[in-house]
Protein backbone atom coordinates (compact mmCIF):
# COMPACT_ATOMS: atom_id res chain seq x y z
CA MET A 1 104.40 111.77 39.56
CA GLN A 2 104.71 108.11 38.89
CA PHE A 3 105.64 107.66 42.49
CA ASP A 4 102.60 109.63 43.61
CA LEU A 5 100.38 107.57 41.33
CA LYS A 6 101.67 104.32 42.81
CA ILE A 7 101.08 105.61 46.30
CA ARG A 8 97.54 106.59 45.39
CA LYS A 9 96.80 103.20 43.84
CA ASN A 10 98.18 101.36 46.84
CA LEU A 11 96.19 103.57 49.17
CA TYR A 12 92.99 102.97 47.14
CA PHE A 13 93.40 99.19 47.18
CA SER A 14 94.19 99.25 50.90
CA LEU A 15 91.03 101.20 51.65
CA LEU A 16 88.96 98.91 49.42
CA LEU A 17 90.30 95.79 51.14
CA CYS A 18 89.70 97.28 54.55
CA GLY A 19 86.09 98.12 53.60
CA ILE A 20 85.44 94.56 52.38
CA ILE A 21 86.83 93.13 55.63
CA CYS A 22 84.69 95.51 57.72
CA ILE A 23 81.52 94.69 55.78
CA GLY A 24 82.16 90.97 56.25
CA ALA A 25 82.74 91.43 59.96
CA CYS A 26 79.55 93.45 60.35
CA SER A 27 77.57 90.87 58.42
CA LYS A 28 78.74 88.15 60.79
CA GLU A 29 77.77 90.20 63.83
CA GLN A 30 74.29 90.89 62.43
CA SER A 31 73.58 87.24 61.49
CA PRO A 32 73.40 85.13 64.65
CA SER A 33 74.40 81.51 64.52
CA PRO A 34 71.50 79.19 63.68
CA GLN A 35 69.80 77.67 66.77
CA PRO A 36 68.66 74.05 67.06
CA PRO A 37 64.92 73.67 66.41
CA ASN A 38 62.60 73.77 69.47
CA PRO A 39 61.15 70.26 69.84
CA ASN A 40 57.92 71.78 71.25
CA PRO A 41 57.60 75.29 69.75
CA ASN A 42 54.02 75.78 71.05
CA PRO A 43 53.79 74.12 74.48
CA VAL A 44 50.30 73.92 75.97
CA PRO A 45 50.24 75.88 79.25
CA LEU A 46 49.26 73.84 82.29
CA TRP A 47 47.04 76.53 83.73
CA ASP A 48 44.57 79.25 82.94
CA PRO A 49 44.00 81.77 85.74
CA ASN A 50 40.28 81.98 84.88
CA ALA A 51 39.60 78.23 84.75
CA MET A 52 38.06 76.15 87.51
CA ARG A 53 40.59 74.43 89.76
CA GLY A 54 38.42 72.58 92.22
CA VAL A 55 38.49 69.96 94.94
CA TRP A 56 35.77 67.94 96.67
CA VAL A 57 35.72 67.98 100.48
CA THR A 58 34.10 64.95 102.13
CA THR A 59 32.97 63.77 105.54
CA THR A 60 34.10 60.24 104.64
CA ALA A 61 37.78 59.35 105.20
CA SER A 62 38.47 62.95 106.18
CA THR A 63 38.49 65.15 109.27
CA ALA A 64 38.53 68.40 107.27
CA LEU A 65 35.11 69.53 108.53
CA GLU A 66 35.33 68.32 112.12
CA SER A 67 36.41 71.63 113.65
CA ARG A 68 36.72 75.30 112.71
CA GLU A 69 40.50 74.95 112.93
CA ASN A 70 40.44 72.00 110.54
CA ILE A 71 38.36 74.04 108.11
CA LYS A 72 40.83 76.92 108.31
CA GLN A 73 43.68 74.50 107.56
CA MET A 74 41.76 72.92 104.70
CA ILE A 75 41.08 76.30 103.10
CA SER A 76 44.71 77.33 103.62
CA ASN A 77 45.97 74.15 101.94
CA CYS A 78 43.57 74.64 99.03
CA LYS A 79 44.78 78.20 98.58
CA LEU A 80 48.43 77.09 98.71
CA GLY A 81 47.67 74.37 96.16
CA GLY A 82 46.16 76.79 93.65
CA ILE A 83 42.55 75.71 94.18
CA ASN A 84 39.91 78.35 93.52
CA HIS A 85 36.68 76.33 93.97
CA VAL A 86 35.86 74.05 96.92
CA PHE A 87 32.92 71.63 96.76
CA ILE A 88 31.74 70.97 100.31
CA VAL A 89 29.59 67.90 100.91
CA VAL A 90 26.35 69.03 102.50
CA TYR A 91 24.13 65.94 102.16
CA ASN A 92 24.95 62.24 102.37
CA ASN A 93 23.59 59.06 103.97
CA ALA A 94 20.32 60.75 105.02
CA ARG A 95 22.07 63.53 106.92
CA THR A 96 23.08 67.15 106.30
CA ILE A 97 26.16 68.84 107.73
CA TYR A 98 24.10 71.98 108.36
CA PRO A 99 20.89 72.27 110.46
CA SER A 100 18.14 71.37 107.97
CA SER A 101 14.42 71.85 108.48
CA VAL A 102 13.79 69.83 105.31
CA MET A 103 15.59 66.79 106.71
CA GLN A 104 14.00 67.19 110.12
CA ASN A 105 10.54 67.15 108.55
CA ILE A 106 11.29 63.91 106.69
CA THR A 107 13.38 61.86 109.13
CA GLY A 108 13.39 63.75 112.40
CA ASN A 109 17.17 64.24 112.09
CA LYS A 110 18.02 67.91 111.71
CA GLN A 111 21.79 67.49 111.29
CA LEU A 112 24.60 64.95 111.22
CA GLU A 113 24.99 64.16 114.89
CA LYS A 114 28.69 64.94 115.26
CA PHE A 115 28.12 68.48 113.96
CA VAL A 116 25.27 69.43 116.30
CA GLY A 117 26.06 72.80 117.87
CA ARG A 118 28.11 73.91 114.85
CA ASP A 119 27.42 74.79 111.23
CA PRO A 120 30.37 73.53 109.15
CA LEU A 121 28.85 74.85 105.92
CA GLN A 122 28.69 78.40 107.26
CA GLU A 123 32.23 78.07 108.61
CA CYS A 124 33.46 76.92 105.17
CA ILE A 125 31.75 79.87 103.51
CA GLU A 126 33.30 82.37 105.91
CA GLU A 127 36.80 80.91 105.71
CA GLY A 128 36.61 80.28 101.97
CA LYS A 129 35.46 83.75 101.07
CA ALA A 130 38.10 85.33 103.33
CA ALA A 131 40.69 83.44 101.26
CA GLY A 132 39.11 84.40 97.94
CA LEU A 133 37.79 80.91 97.13
CA LYS A 134 34.40 80.00 95.65
CA VAL A 135 32.37 77.68 97.89
CA HIS A 136 29.88 75.18 96.43
CA ALA A 137 27.31 73.02 98.25
CA TRP A 138 27.73 69.45 96.99
CA PHE A 139 24.69 67.16 97.44
CA GLU A 140 26.68 63.95 97.31
CA TYR A 141 24.01 61.29 97.80
CA GLY A 142 21.38 62.85 95.55
CA PHE A 143 18.70 60.22 94.86
CA SER A 144 20.52 57.61 96.94
CA SER A 145 18.97 57.27 100.40
CA SER A 146 21.69 55.42 102.27
CA TYR A 147 24.63 53.06 102.08
CA SER A 148 24.04 49.40 102.96
CA ALA A 149 21.23 50.32 105.35
CA ASN A 150 18.15 48.84 103.64
CA GLY A 151 17.07 52.31 102.63
CA GLY A 152 17.97 54.01 105.90
CA SER A 153 15.89 56.56 107.72
CA ILE A 154 14.39 58.16 104.61
CA ILE A 155 12.80 54.99 103.26
CA ALA A 156 11.83 53.98 106.80
CA ALA A 157 9.84 57.22 106.94
CA LYS A 158 8.69 57.13 103.31
CA PRO A 159 8.58 53.52 102.05
CA GLU A 160 6.67 54.61 98.92
CA TRP A 161 9.78 56.56 97.87
CA ALA A 162 11.88 53.43 97.35
CA ALA A 163 13.19 52.56 93.89
CA LYS A 164 12.05 49.04 92.99
CA ASP A 165 13.41 46.49 90.52
CA ILE A 166 11.32 44.08 88.44
CA ASN A 167 11.12 41.72 91.42
CA ASP A 168 9.70 44.51 93.62
CA LYS A 169 12.92 44.65 95.63
CA LEU A 170 14.67 47.80 96.81
CA VAL A 171 17.19 48.88 94.19
CA VAL A 172 20.73 48.52 95.58
CA LYS A 173 23.82 49.09 93.45
CA ASN A 174 27.43 49.05 94.63
CA GLY A 175 26.14 49.13 98.20
CA PHE A 176 23.97 52.24 97.71
CA ASP A 177 20.23 52.10 98.44
CA TRP A 178 18.12 54.13 96.02
CA LEU A 179 15.11 56.39 96.03
CA ASN A 180 12.85 56.54 93.00
CA GLY A 181 14.06 59.67 91.24
CA ILE A 182 10.91 59.76 89.08
CA HIS A 183 8.52 60.00 92.03
CA PRO A 184 7.27 63.61 92.38
CA GLN A 185 7.65 63.63 96.18
CA VAL A 186 11.26 62.44 95.93
CA GLN A 187 11.96 65.13 93.35
CA GLN A 188 10.35 67.75 95.58
CA PHE A 189 12.50 66.60 98.51
CA LEU A 190 15.71 67.31 96.55
CA VAL A 191 14.36 70.59 95.19
CA ASP A 192 13.59 71.64 98.76
CA LEU A 193 17.12 70.74 99.94
CA PHE A 194 18.72 72.75 97.14
CA LYS A 195 16.43 75.71 97.74
CA GLU A 196 17.03 75.59 101.50
CA VAL A 197 20.77 75.92 101.03
CA THR A 198 20.44 78.56 98.31
CA LEU A 199 18.13 80.69 100.48
CA LYS A 200 19.97 80.24 103.77
CA TYR A 201 23.62 80.37 102.73
CA ASP A 202 25.79 82.63 100.59
CA VAL A 203 27.14 79.77 98.50
CA ASP A 204 28.67 80.41 95.09
CA GLY A 205 27.35 77.17 93.62
CA VAL A 206 25.30 74.00 94.08
CA GLN A 207 26.14 70.61 92.61
CA GLY A 208 24.81 67.13 91.98
CA ASP A 209 26.99 64.21 90.90
CA ASP A 210 26.78 60.60 89.75
CA ARG A 211 23.71 60.17 91.98
CA LEU A 212 21.79 63.30 90.95
CA PRO A 213 19.86 63.19 88.81
CA ALA A 214 20.30 59.45 88.54
CA MET A 215 18.76 56.08 89.26
CA PRO A 216 20.12 52.62 88.43
CA SER A 217 18.54 51.41 85.22
CA THR A 218 17.24 48.36 87.10
CA GLY A 219 14.77 50.73 88.81
CA GLY A 220 11.42 52.06 87.62
CA TYR A 221 9.25 49.04 88.43
CA ASP A 222 7.55 50.59 91.48
CA THR A 223 3.79 51.14 91.42
CA TYR A 224 3.95 54.89 90.77
CA THR A 225 6.36 54.68 87.82
CA VAL A 226 4.62 51.68 86.25
CA ASN A 227 1.27 53.52 86.33
CA LEU A 228 2.85 56.66 84.90
CA TYR A 229 4.40 54.66 82.08
CA LYS A 230 1.06 52.97 81.34
CA SER A 231 -0.71 56.33 81.20
CA GLU A 232 1.75 57.55 78.57
CA ASN A 233 1.99 54.32 76.56
CA ALA A 234 -1.59 53.21 75.84
CA GLY A 235 -1.78 51.02 78.92
CA ALA A 236 1.34 48.97 78.14
CA ASN A 237 3.56 47.78 80.97
CA PRO A 238 7.24 48.80 81.04
CA PRO A 239 9.51 46.38 79.16
CA PRO A 240 10.81 43.53 81.35
CA SER A 241 14.34 44.24 80.12
CA ALA A 242 15.83 47.10 82.16
CA THR A 243 18.12 47.95 79.23
CA ASP A 244 15.40 48.20 76.56
CA ALA A 245 16.35 51.29 74.53
CA ASP A 246 12.92 52.98 74.65
CA TRP A 247 12.55 52.23 78.36
CA LEU A 248 15.98 53.72 79.07
CA ARG A 249 15.07 56.83 77.09
CA TRP A 250 11.68 57.28 78.76
CA ARG A 251 13.18 57.19 82.27
CA ALA A 252 16.20 59.33 81.34
CA ASN A 253 13.85 61.95 79.90
CA LYS A 254 12.00 62.12 83.24
CA LEU A 255 15.29 62.80 85.04
CA ASN A 256 16.24 65.38 82.40
CA LEU A 257 13.01 67.27 83.06
CA PHE A 258 13.75 67.17 86.78
CA LEU A 259 17.19 68.68 86.19
CA LYS A 260 15.70 71.49 84.11
CA ARG A 261 13.18 72.21 86.85
CA LEU A 262 15.82 72.11 89.60
CA ARG A 263 17.98 74.60 87.75
CA THR A 264 15.03 76.93 87.15
CA GLU A 265 13.97 76.94 90.81
CA VAL A 266 17.48 77.52 92.13
CA LYS A 267 18.25 80.24 89.58
CA THR A 268 14.97 81.99 90.43
CA ILE A 269 16.29 82.45 93.96
CA LYS A 270 19.84 83.37 92.97
CA PRO A 271 20.45 83.92 89.24
CA THR A 272 24.23 84.18 89.65
CA ILE A 273 24.67 80.85 91.44
CA LEU A 274 26.78 78.26 89.61
CA PHE A 275 24.67 75.20 88.85
CA THR A 276 27.04 72.32 88.05
CA MET A 277 26.85 68.55 87.71
CA SER A 278 29.51 65.85 87.99
CA PRO A 279 28.04 62.74 86.33
CA SER A 280 29.46 59.36 85.47
CA PRO A 281 31.11 59.20 82.03
CA TYR A 282 28.77 58.83 79.05
CA PRO A 283 27.42 56.40 77.78
CA PHE A 284 28.18 54.26 80.84
CA GLY A 285 26.29 56.72 83.05
CA TYR A 286 23.31 56.66 80.70
CA ASN A 287 23.07 52.88 80.41
CA GLU A 288 23.68 52.20 84.11
CA TYR A 289 22.26 55.28 85.86
CA LEU A 290 20.03 57.06 83.29
CA GLN A 291 22.37 60.09 83.26
CA ASP A 292 22.13 61.94 79.96
CA TRP A 293 24.72 64.69 80.44
CA PRO A 294 25.14 65.53 76.71
CA THR A 295 21.50 66.70 76.71
CA TRP A 296 22.10 68.77 79.85
CA VAL A 297 25.03 70.52 78.16
CA ASP A 298 23.38 70.89 74.75
CA SER A 299 20.35 72.45 76.47
CA ALA A 300 22.55 74.72 78.66
CA TRP A 301 20.84 73.43 81.81
CA VAL A 302 24.19 73.41 83.61
CA ASP A 303 26.82 76.11 84.06
CA ALA A 304 29.64 73.55 83.90
CA ILE A 305 29.89 69.79 83.44
CA ILE A 306 32.52 67.82 85.38
CA PRO A 307 32.46 64.15 84.30
CA GLN A 308 34.23 61.81 86.72
CA ILE A 309 37.22 60.53 84.72
CA TYR A 310 38.44 58.41 87.63
CA ARG A 311 41.20 56.19 86.24
CA TYR A 312 44.43 54.67 87.51
CA ASN A 313 46.64 54.82 84.39
CA ILE A 314 47.15 57.28 81.58
CA ASN A 315 45.91 55.03 78.77
CA ASP A 316 42.54 54.47 80.43
CA TYR A 317 42.33 58.16 81.28
CA ASP A 318 43.09 59.26 77.72
CA ASN A 319 40.59 56.79 76.27
CA SER A 320 37.82 57.89 78.62
CA LEU A 321 38.52 61.59 78.12
CA ASN A 322 38.58 61.18 74.33
CA GLN A 323 35.24 59.39 74.54
CA GLN A 324 33.68 62.20 76.59
CA LYS A 325 34.99 64.79 74.16
CA LEU A 326 33.03 63.11 71.35
CA TYR A 327 29.78 63.96 73.15
CA TYR A 328 30.77 67.48 74.19
CA LYS A 329 29.18 69.71 71.54
CA ASN A 330 28.04 72.92 73.26
CA THR A 331 31.41 74.40 74.14
CA ALA A 332 29.73 77.49 75.61
CA VAL A 333 29.25 75.31 78.70
CA PRO A 334 32.66 74.69 80.32
CA PHE A 335 33.88 71.09 80.61
CA TYR A 336 36.25 70.28 83.47
CA PRO A 337 37.39 66.68 83.96
CA GLY A 338 37.01 65.15 87.39
CA VAL A 339 40.43 63.73 88.32
CA LEU A 340 40.98 61.02 90.94
CA VAL A 341 43.85 61.79 93.31
CA LYS A 342 43.13 59.38 96.13
CA SER A 343 40.77 56.49 96.81
CA GLY A 344 41.05 54.45 99.98
CA SER A 345 44.71 53.66 100.48
CA THR A 346 45.57 54.33 96.83
CA ILE A 347 47.14 57.68 95.98
CA GLN A 348 48.22 58.53 92.44
CA SER A 349 51.90 59.24 91.76
CA ASP A 350 53.13 62.74 90.93
CA ALA A 351 54.20 61.57 87.48
CA LEU A 352 50.78 60.09 86.69
CA MET A 353 48.98 63.19 87.98
CA SER A 354 51.13 65.35 85.71
CA GLN A 355 50.19 63.13 82.77
CA PHE A 356 46.50 63.51 83.60
CA ILE A 357 46.76 67.31 83.64
CA GLN A 358 48.79 67.45 80.43
CA SER A 359 46.17 65.23 78.79
CA ASN A 360 43.46 67.69 79.85
CA ARG A 361 45.36 70.59 78.31
CA ASN A 362 46.23 68.73 75.13
CA LYS A 363 42.51 68.13 74.60
CA GLY A 364 41.61 71.76 75.23
CA PHE A 365 40.27 71.47 78.79
CA LYS A 366 41.63 74.37 80.84
CA GLY A 367 40.80 73.25 84.38
CA GLU A 368 39.78 70.26 86.51
CA VAL A 369 38.24 69.21 89.82
CA PHE A 370 40.04 66.74 92.07
CA PHE A 371 38.67 63.94 94.20
CA PHE A 372 39.39 64.53 96.95
CA TYR A 373 40.84 66.99 99.50
CA GLU A 374 42.83 64.39 101.44
CA GLY A 375 44.79 63.65 98.27
CA LEU A 376 45.55 67.33 97.81
CA LYS A 377 46.76 67.53 101.40
CA ASP A 378 49.06 64.54 100.81
CA LYS A 379 50.42 65.98 97.55
CA LEU A 380 50.53 69.68 98.39
CA THR A 381 54.07 70.14 97.03
CA TRP A 382 53.00 68.75 93.67
CA TYR A 383 50.00 71.08 93.56
CA GLN A 384 52.19 74.08 94.33
CA GLY A 385 54.32 73.19 91.31
CA LEU A 386 51.24 72.69 89.12
CA TYR A 387 49.70 76.10 89.74
CA PRO A 388 52.73 78.28 90.53
CA PHE A 389 51.02 81.55 89.62
CA ILE A 390 48.79 81.40 92.70
CA LYS A 391 50.30 82.74 95.92
């Protein structure tokens, strides 16, 4: 019996030891080794499939619109690069790319001469829609009549439309000749252009930029505007200082009212059309060009705002974007930064472009619009890496 008891004890201790070993082994299997901490546990995604990813298409420094085949290639490249909105220039330097009765009635020129016999806007719409892209009509020159042409054909036909400085000279800034954006006939001219395109073409959007609504703050000293100011200010003349705060506000308010009217008239024709603006950054655009985009956004007069954050290094870009964000209050209106890809012979590096986009995302902006198509064409591989979810 003693022998049996010893055997039983030994067997008990052996089973107990085996159980402890097994439990320990199981515990190790169920508890994975600790992993090193993720240095960026919540990375900001570089894309949102519903955000605007746009590009401006020009007639300047580009052949994108010069044939149907070029348009097909442009649309194809945009699609490959993840672009979903294309902004086609339709009006610049006193010409339209499409046959325009409005322009013909003012200047006698129905269409940009090299496009006569074609309609590049209609071709862009057809090719863009076939590829699933949204097509916008971009009125590039807005209230600018011409470039270094002493007012060009519009002011030659309508000299009373010229913007005048305090010395009664035509307002010229950075080479651009300017119309008086406060004059009712000038305003009607732009309303008619926008309405013509909206009625005639199946565009998804219409857009003004840093020249619409805008006028250099040195303007407003023409006879019409001076008399209007007097009638609203007890007979007083406008201040001689172009930067007088009340004088800036009075003229900016006139342009604000024009924008509200333009939106209303376009939306009456086509309520679903996207009405967007791409102004200069604020407050520079306000002080220099009477552009008050925070009021446009706060009042919901635009369907998206796309300030031109055109910079050549990341520090300047960050500073400008941070400044714009301070004035962006009504977040129900989307904000998409305008990003400079190429200007003249300068093209931004891939690394810098990636920094720009990451800065947009870090600040909560989910999309952007690029200036301009030729830069996208040059950097197509980079774009394909940026928006890889689009095929």
